[in-house]
């Protein structure tokens, strides 16, 4: 891919870090993770790199209910589940969801953004639910 060949070493390191992460990262979380992995990057550069990777289609992003931009390695269309207690975010893959919505709504659905609030198993355990 021509885009990959033109990518700087730092951009490649950040992309690899995002692709190997378990969750969804804000720019400040990505910055902290990068620094913990010995990647030398400033916070302002992290914002710039993440936005560049997003604009070029290498990663996706969404805005949480708290208005925080979060970056995601999953590129396919999907929804998100967000824990009401701890804020942990998980992907939901809904195969054929656009098709189902289109049929149900009797129109051509071209895209969707789905966020489901829930209580994750970890928080559920803590409160004894």
N, C-alpha and C. Protein backbone atom coordinates (compact mmCIF):
# COMPACT_ATOMS: atom_id res chain seq x y z
N UNK A 1 0.84 -1.18 0.00
CA UNK A 1 0.00 0.00 0.00
C UNK A 1 0.89 1.24 0.00
N UNK A 2 0.61 2.18 -0.88
CA UNK A 2 1.46 3.37 -1.01
C UNK A 2 1.44 4.22 0.25
N UNK A 3 0.28 4.30 0.92
CA UNK A 3 0.18 5.09 2.15
C UNK A 3 1.12 4.55 3.21
N UNK A 4 1.20 3.24 3.33
CA UNK A 4 2.06 2.61 4.34
C UNK A 4 3.52 2.95 4.07
N UNK A 5 3.93 2.91 2.81
CA UNK A 5 5.32 3.19 2.46
C UNK A 5 5.70 4.63 2.78
N UNK A 6 4.76 5.56 2.70
CA UNK A 6 5.05 6.97 2.96
C UNK A 6 4.93 7.34 4.44
N UNK A 7 4.50 6.40 5.27
CA UNK A 7 4.29 6.67 6.67
C UNK A 7 5.63 6.82 7.39
N UNK A 8 5.71 7.82 8.27
CA UNK A 8 6.94 8.00 9.05
C UNK A 8 7.06 6.88 10.08
N UNK A 9 8.27 6.70 10.60
CA UNK A 9 8.49 5.67 11.62
C UNK A 9 7.61 5.92 12.84
N UNK A 10 7.49 7.19 13.25
CA UNK A 10 6.68 7.52 14.42
C UNK A 10 5.21 7.20 14.17
N UNK A 11 4.71 7.56 13.00
CA UNK A 11 3.31 7.25 12.67
C UNK A 11 3.09 5.74 12.66
N UNK A 12 4.04 5.00 12.13
CA UNK A 12 3.95 3.53 12.09
C UNK A 12 3.94 2.97 13.51
N UNK A 13 4.78 3.51 14.38
CA UNK A 13 4.82 3.04 15.77
C UNK A 13 3.47 3.29 16.47
N UNK A 14 2.90 4.47 16.23
CA UNK A 14 1.61 4.81 16.85
C UNK A 14 0.51 3.92 16.28
N UNK A 15 0.51 3.71 14.98
CA UNK A 15 -0.50 2.83 14.36
C UNK A 15 -0.37 1.41 14.91
N UNK A 16 0.84 0.89 14.98
CA UNK A 16 1.05 -0.46 15.54
C UNK A 16 0.56 -0.53 16.98
N UNK A 17 0.82 0.52 17.75
CA UNK A 17 0.39 0.56 19.14
C UNK A 17 -1.14 0.50 19.24
N UNK A 18 -1.82 1.29 18.41
CA UNK A 18 -3.29 1.30 18.40
C UNK A 18 -3.81 -0.07 17.98
N UNK A 19 -3.24 -0.65 16.94
CA UNK A 19 -3.70 -1.95 16.45
C UNK A 19 -3.46 -3.07 17.45
N UNK A 20 -2.49 -2.92 18.33
CA UNK A 20 -2.20 -3.94 19.34
C UNK A 20 -2.86 -3.67 20.69
N UNK A 21 -3.59 -2.54 20.77
CA UNK A 21 -4.24 -2.22 22.04
C UNK A 21 -5.53 -3.01 22.17
N UNK A 22 -5.98 -3.16 23.40
CA UNK A 22 -7.18 -3.93 23.67
C UNK A 22 -8.46 -3.11 23.57
N UNK A 23 -8.35 -1.82 23.63
CA UNK A 23 -9.57 -1.03 23.70
C UNK A 23 -9.56 0.18 22.82
N UNK A 24 -10.29 1.16 23.26
CA UNK A 24 -10.44 2.42 22.56
C UNK A 24 -9.67 3.45 23.36
N UNK A 25 -8.84 4.23 22.69
CA UNK A 25 -7.95 5.14 23.39
C UNK A 25 -8.23 6.60 23.03
N UNK A 26 -8.29 7.44 24.04
CA UNK A 26 -8.30 8.88 23.80
C UNK A 26 -6.88 9.27 23.43
N UNK A 27 -6.69 10.49 22.96
CA UNK A 27 -5.34 10.93 22.60
C UNK A 27 -4.43 10.93 23.83
N UNK A 28 -4.95 11.35 24.98
CA UNK A 28 -4.10 11.37 26.18
C UNK A 28 -3.77 9.95 26.65
N UNK A 29 -4.72 9.02 26.51
CA UNK A 29 -4.42 7.62 26.86
C UNK A 29 -3.41 7.03 25.89
N UNK A 30 -3.54 7.36 24.60
CA UNK A 30 -2.57 6.89 23.61
C UNK A 30 -1.19 7.48 23.91
N UNK A 31 -1.15 8.74 24.30
CA UNK A 31 0.11 9.39 24.67
C UNK A 31 0.76 8.67 25.85
N UNK A 32 -0.03 8.41 26.90
CA UNK A 32 0.50 7.71 28.09
C UNK A 32 1.01 6.31 27.73
N UNK A 33 0.25 5.61 26.89
CA UNK A 33 0.65 4.26 26.48
C UNK A 33 1.94 4.31 25.66
N UNK A 34 2.02 5.27 24.74
CA UNK A 34 3.22 5.41 23.90
C UNK A 34 4.45 5.68 24.78
N UNK A 35 4.30 6.59 25.71
CA UNK A 35 5.44 6.93 26.58
C UNK A 35 5.85 5.71 27.40
N UNK A 36 4.86 4.92 27.87
CA UNK A 36 5.18 3.73 28.67
C UNK A 36 5.89 2.66 27.83
N UNK A 37 5.70 2.73 26.50
CA UNK A 37 6.34 1.79 25.60
C UNK A 37 7.65 2.34 25.02
N UNK A 38 8.07 3.49 25.54
CA UNK A 38 9.33 4.07 25.10
C UNK A 38 9.25 4.81 23.78
N UNK A 39 8.04 5.14 23.33
CA UNK A 39 7.89 5.90 22.08
C UNK A 39 7.99 7.38 22.44
N UNK A 40 8.93 8.08 21.83
CA UNK A 40 9.17 9.49 22.12
C UNK A 40 8.25 10.35 21.26
N UNK A 41 7.17 10.84 21.87
CA UNK A 41 6.19 11.66 21.15
C UNK A 41 5.62 12.68 22.13
N UNK A 42 5.32 13.87 21.62
CA UNK A 42 4.68 14.89 22.45
C UNK A 42 3.17 14.71 22.36
N UNK A 43 2.45 15.28 23.30
CA UNK A 43 0.99 15.18 23.29
C UNK A 43 0.41 15.85 22.05
N UNK A 44 0.95 16.99 21.67
CA UNK A 44 0.43 17.68 20.47
C UNK A 44 0.69 16.85 19.21
N UNK A 45 1.84 16.19 19.14
CA UNK A 45 2.13 15.31 18.00
C UNK A 45 1.19 14.11 18.00
N UNK A 46 0.86 13.60 19.18
CA UNK A 46 -0.07 12.47 19.27
C UNK A 46 -1.42 12.85 18.67
N UNK A 47 -1.95 14.01 19.03
CA UNK A 47 -3.22 14.47 18.46
C UNK A 47 -3.12 14.54 16.93
N UNK A 48 -2.04 15.14 16.44
CA UNK A 48 -1.85 15.30 15.00
C UNK A 48 -1.76 13.94 14.30
N UNK A 49 -0.98 13.03 14.87
CA UNK A 49 -0.79 11.70 14.27
C UNK A 49 -2.10 10.92 14.26
N UNK A 50 -2.81 10.91 15.38
CA UNK A 50 -4.08 10.18 15.44
C UNK A 50 -5.08 10.72 14.43
N UNK A 51 -5.17 12.05 14.32
CA UNK A 51 -6.09 12.63 13.34
C UNK A 51 -5.68 12.30 11.91
N UNK A 52 -4.38 12.29 11.66
CA UNK A 52 -3.88 11.93 10.34
C UNK A 52 -4.20 10.47 10.01
N UNK A 53 -3.96 9.57 10.98
CA UNK A 53 -4.26 8.15 10.77
C UNK A 53 -5.76 7.94 10.54
N UNK A 54 -6.57 8.71 11.24
CA UNK A 54 -8.03 8.63 11.06
C UNK A 54 -8.42 9.14 9.67
N UNK A 55 -7.91 10.30 9.29
CA UNK A 55 -8.25 10.88 7.99
C UNK A 55 -7.82 9.99 6.83
N UNK A 56 -6.72 9.25 6.99
CA UNK A 56 -6.24 8.36 5.94
C UNK A 56 -6.91 6.99 5.97
N UNK A 57 -7.80 6.76 6.97
CA UNK A 57 -8.56 5.52 7.02
C UNK A 57 -7.87 4.36 7.69
N UNK A 58 -6.80 4.62 8.46
CA UNK A 58 -6.10 3.53 9.15
C UNK A 58 -6.76 3.14 10.47
N UNK A 59 -7.43 4.11 11.10
CA UNK A 59 -8.14 3.87 12.36
C UNK A 59 -9.49 4.59 12.28
N UNK A 60 -10.39 4.25 13.18
CA UNK A 60 -11.66 4.96 13.24
C UNK A 60 -11.72 5.74 14.55
N UNK A 61 -12.71 6.59 14.68
CA UNK A 61 -12.89 7.30 15.94
C UNK A 61 -14.37 7.57 16.16
N UNK A 62 -14.70 7.75 17.41
CA UNK A 62 -16.05 8.16 17.74
C UNK A 62 -15.98 9.06 18.96
N UNK A 63 -17.06 9.76 19.21
CA UNK A 63 -17.10 10.68 20.34
C UNK A 63 -17.99 10.06 21.41
N UNK A 64 -17.43 9.95 22.61
CA UNK A 64 -18.17 9.34 23.71
C UNK A 64 -19.25 10.30 24.21
N UNK A 65 -20.10 9.79 25.09
CA UNK A 65 -21.15 10.63 25.67
C UNK A 65 -20.56 11.79 26.46
N UNK A 66 -19.31 11.65 26.91
CA UNK A 66 -18.62 12.72 27.64
C UNK A 66 -17.88 13.67 26.70
N UNK A 67 -18.16 13.55 25.40
CA UNK A 67 -17.57 14.41 24.36
C UNK A 67 -16.06 14.24 24.21
N UNK A 68 -15.58 13.02 24.45
CA UNK A 68 -14.16 12.72 24.29
C UNK A 68 -13.98 11.93 23.00
N UNK A 69 -13.04 12.36 22.16
CA UNK A 69 -12.73 11.61 20.94
C UNK A 69 -11.92 10.38 21.33
N UNK A 70 -12.36 9.22 20.86
CA UNK A 70 -11.71 7.97 21.18
C UNK A 70 -11.36 7.27 19.87
N UNK A 71 -10.14 6.75 19.78
CA UNK A 71 -9.65 6.12 18.55
C UNK A 71 -9.76 4.62 18.67
N UNK A 72 -10.05 3.99 17.55
CA UNK A 72 -10.41 2.57 17.52
C UNK A 72 -9.71 1.91 16.34
N UNK A 73 -9.20 0.71 16.57
CA UNK A 73 -8.53 -0.03 15.50
C UNK A 73 -9.52 -0.70 14.55
N UNK A 74 -10.77 -0.87 14.98
CA UNK A 74 -11.77 -1.54 14.16
C UNK A 74 -12.29 -0.60 13.09
N UNK A 75 -12.10 -0.97 11.84
CA UNK A 75 -12.51 -0.12 10.73
C UNK A 75 -13.90 -0.45 10.20
N UNK A 76 -14.32 -1.70 10.36
CA UNK A 76 -15.64 -2.07 9.84
C UNK A 76 -16.72 -1.37 10.66
N UNK A 77 -17.88 -1.18 10.02
CA UNK A 77 -18.98 -0.53 10.71
C UNK A 77 -19.42 -1.38 11.90
N UNK A 78 -19.54 -0.75 13.06
CA UNK A 78 -19.89 -1.45 14.28
C UNK A 78 -20.45 -0.47 15.29
N UNK A 79 -21.04 -1.00 16.34
CA UNK A 79 -21.54 -0.18 17.42
C UNK A 79 -20.64 -0.30 18.63
N UNK A 80 -21.01 0.40 19.69
CA UNK A 80 -20.22 0.38 20.91
C UNK A 80 -21.10 0.18 22.13
N UNK A 81 -20.57 -0.54 23.09
CA UNK A 81 -21.20 -0.69 24.40
C UNK A 81 -20.31 0.04 25.40
N UNK A 82 -20.91 0.92 26.20
CA UNK A 82 -20.14 1.70 27.16
C UNK A 82 -20.69 1.44 28.57
N UNK A 83 -19.81 1.03 29.46
CA UNK A 83 -20.21 0.74 30.83
C UNK A 83 -20.60 2.04 31.53
N UNK A 84 -21.77 2.04 32.14
CA UNK A 84 -22.27 3.22 32.85
C UNK A 84 -21.44 3.54 34.09
N UNK A 85 -20.76 2.55 34.64
CA UNK A 85 -20.01 2.74 35.89
C UNK A 85 -18.57 3.17 35.65
N UNK A 86 -17.83 2.42 34.82
CA UNK A 86 -16.39 2.69 34.65
C UNK A 86 -16.04 3.34 33.31
N UNK A 87 -16.97 3.35 32.37
CA UNK A 87 -16.71 3.97 31.07
C UNK A 87 -16.01 3.08 30.07
N UNK A 88 -15.72 1.84 30.44
CA UNK A 88 -15.06 0.90 29.52
C UNK A 88 -15.92 0.74 28.26
N UNK A 89 -15.26 0.76 27.11
CA UNK A 89 -15.96 0.66 25.83
C UNK A 89 -15.61 -0.64 25.13
N UNK A 90 -16.61 -1.29 24.58
CA UNK A 90 -16.42 -2.54 23.83
C UNK A 90 -17.14 -2.42 22.49
N UNK A 91 -16.58 -3.05 21.48
CA UNK A 91 -17.20 -3.06 20.15
C UNK A 91 -18.34 -4.08 20.11
N UNK A 92 -19.35 -3.76 19.30
CA UNK A 92 -20.42 -4.71 19.00
C UNK A 92 -20.45 -4.85 17.49
N UNK A 93 -20.29 -6.06 17.00
CA UNK A 93 -20.38 -6.31 15.56
C UNK A 93 -21.78 -6.82 15.26
N UNK A 94 -22.48 -6.05 14.45
CA UNK A 94 -23.86 -6.40 14.10
C UNK A 94 -23.94 -6.65 12.60
N UNK A 95 -23.75 -7.89 12.22
CA UNK A 95 -23.79 -8.24 10.81
C UNK A 95 -25.15 -7.91 10.21
N UNK A 96 -25.13 -7.32 9.05
CA UNK A 96 -26.34 -6.98 8.30
C UNK A 96 -27.25 -5.99 9.02
N UNK A 97 -26.73 -5.23 9.97
CA UNK A 97 -27.58 -4.30 10.72
C UNK A 97 -28.19 -3.23 9.81
N UNK A 98 -27.41 -2.70 8.87
CA UNK A 98 -27.95 -1.70 7.94
C UNK A 98 -29.11 -2.28 7.14
N UNK A 99 -28.94 -3.52 6.71
CA UNK A 99 -29.97 -4.21 5.93
C UNK A 99 -31.26 -4.37 6.76
N UNK A 100 -31.09 -4.80 8.00
CA UNK A 100 -32.24 -4.98 8.90
C UNK A 100 -32.93 -3.64 9.15
N UNK A 101 -32.15 -2.60 9.43
CA UNK A 101 -32.73 -1.27 9.64
C UNK A 101 -33.45 -0.77 8.39
N UNK A 102 -32.82 -0.95 7.25
CA UNK A 102 -33.43 -0.51 5.99
C UNK A 102 -34.79 -1.17 5.78
N UNK A 103 -34.84 -2.46 6.03
CA UNK A 103 -36.09 -3.20 5.86
C UNK A 103 -37.13 -2.71 6.87
N UNK A 104 -36.74 -2.60 8.12
CA UNK A 104 -37.66 -2.20 9.18
C UNK A 104 -38.16 -0.77 8.99
N UNK A 105 -37.27 0.13 8.58
CA UNK A 105 -37.63 1.55 8.42
C UNK A 105 -38.15 1.89 7.02
N UNK A 106 -38.07 0.92 6.13
CA UNK A 106 -38.52 1.08 4.74
C UNK A 106 -37.83 2.26 4.05
N UNK A 107 -36.51 2.30 4.20
CA UNK A 107 -35.69 3.30 3.53
C UNK A 107 -34.27 2.74 3.41
N UNK A 108 -33.44 3.41 2.64
CA UNK A 108 -32.05 2.97 2.48
C UNK A 108 -31.18 3.58 3.58
N UNK A 109 -30.85 2.80 4.59
CA UNK A 109 -29.95 3.25 5.65
C UNK A 109 -28.53 3.15 5.11
N UNK A 110 -27.80 4.26 5.14
CA UNK A 110 -26.45 4.26 4.58
C UNK A 110 -25.36 4.12 5.64
N UNK A 111 -25.68 4.48 6.87
CA UNK A 111 -24.71 4.36 7.96
C UNK A 111 -25.45 4.44 9.28
N UNK A 112 -24.78 4.00 10.33
CA UNK A 112 -25.38 4.11 11.66
C UNK A 112 -24.29 4.33 12.70
N UNK A 113 -24.69 4.93 13.82
CA UNK A 113 -23.83 5.07 14.99
C UNK A 113 -24.66 4.58 16.15
N UNK A 114 -24.21 3.49 16.74
CA UNK A 114 -24.97 2.86 17.81
C UNK A 114 -24.13 2.79 19.07
N UNK A 115 -24.69 3.30 20.17
CA UNK A 115 -24.04 3.22 21.47
C UNK A 115 -25.04 2.63 22.45
N UNK A 116 -24.63 1.59 23.12
CA UNK A 116 -25.48 0.92 24.10
C UNK A 116 -24.83 1.10 25.47
N UNK A 117 -25.61 1.57 26.43
CA UNK A 117 -25.14 1.70 27.80
C UNK A 117 -25.41 0.38 28.52
N UNK A 118 -24.44 -0.05 29.33
CA UNK A 118 -24.60 -1.29 30.09
C UNK A 118 -23.71 -1.24 31.31
N UNK A 119 -23.76 -2.26 32.13
CA UNK A 119 -22.85 -2.39 33.26
C UNK A 119 -21.97 -3.60 32.96
N UNK A 120 -20.68 -3.37 32.85
CA UNK A 120 -19.75 -4.44 32.48
C UNK A 120 -19.66 -5.49 33.59
N UNK A 121 -19.22 -6.70 33.25
CA UNK A 121 -19.12 -7.77 34.26
C UNK A 121 -18.26 -7.39 35.47
N UNK A 122 -17.20 -6.65 35.24
CA UNK A 122 -16.31 -6.25 36.32
C UNK A 122 -17.03 -5.35 37.33
N UNK A 123 -17.77 -4.36 36.82
CA UNK A 123 -18.51 -3.44 37.70
C UNK A 123 -19.69 -4.15 38.35
N UNK A 124 -20.29 -5.06 37.60
CA UNK A 124 -21.42 -5.84 38.12
C UNK A 124 -20.98 -6.65 39.34
N UNK A 125 -19.77 -7.22 39.24
CA UNK A 125 -19.20 -7.99 40.35
C UNK A 125 -18.95 -7.12 41.57
N UNK A 126 -18.44 -5.91 41.33
CA UNK A 126 -18.11 -4.99 42.42
C UNK A 126 -19.33 -4.60 43.25
N UNK A 127 -20.47 -4.41 42.56
CA UNK A 127 -21.67 -3.98 43.28
C UNK A 127 -22.57 -5.15 43.67
N UNK A 128 -22.15 -6.36 43.29
CA UNK A 128 -22.88 -7.56 43.67
C UNK A 128 -24.24 -7.71 42.99
N UNK A 129 -24.30 -7.34 41.73
CA UNK A 129 -25.56 -7.49 40.96
C UNK A 129 -25.65 -8.89 40.42
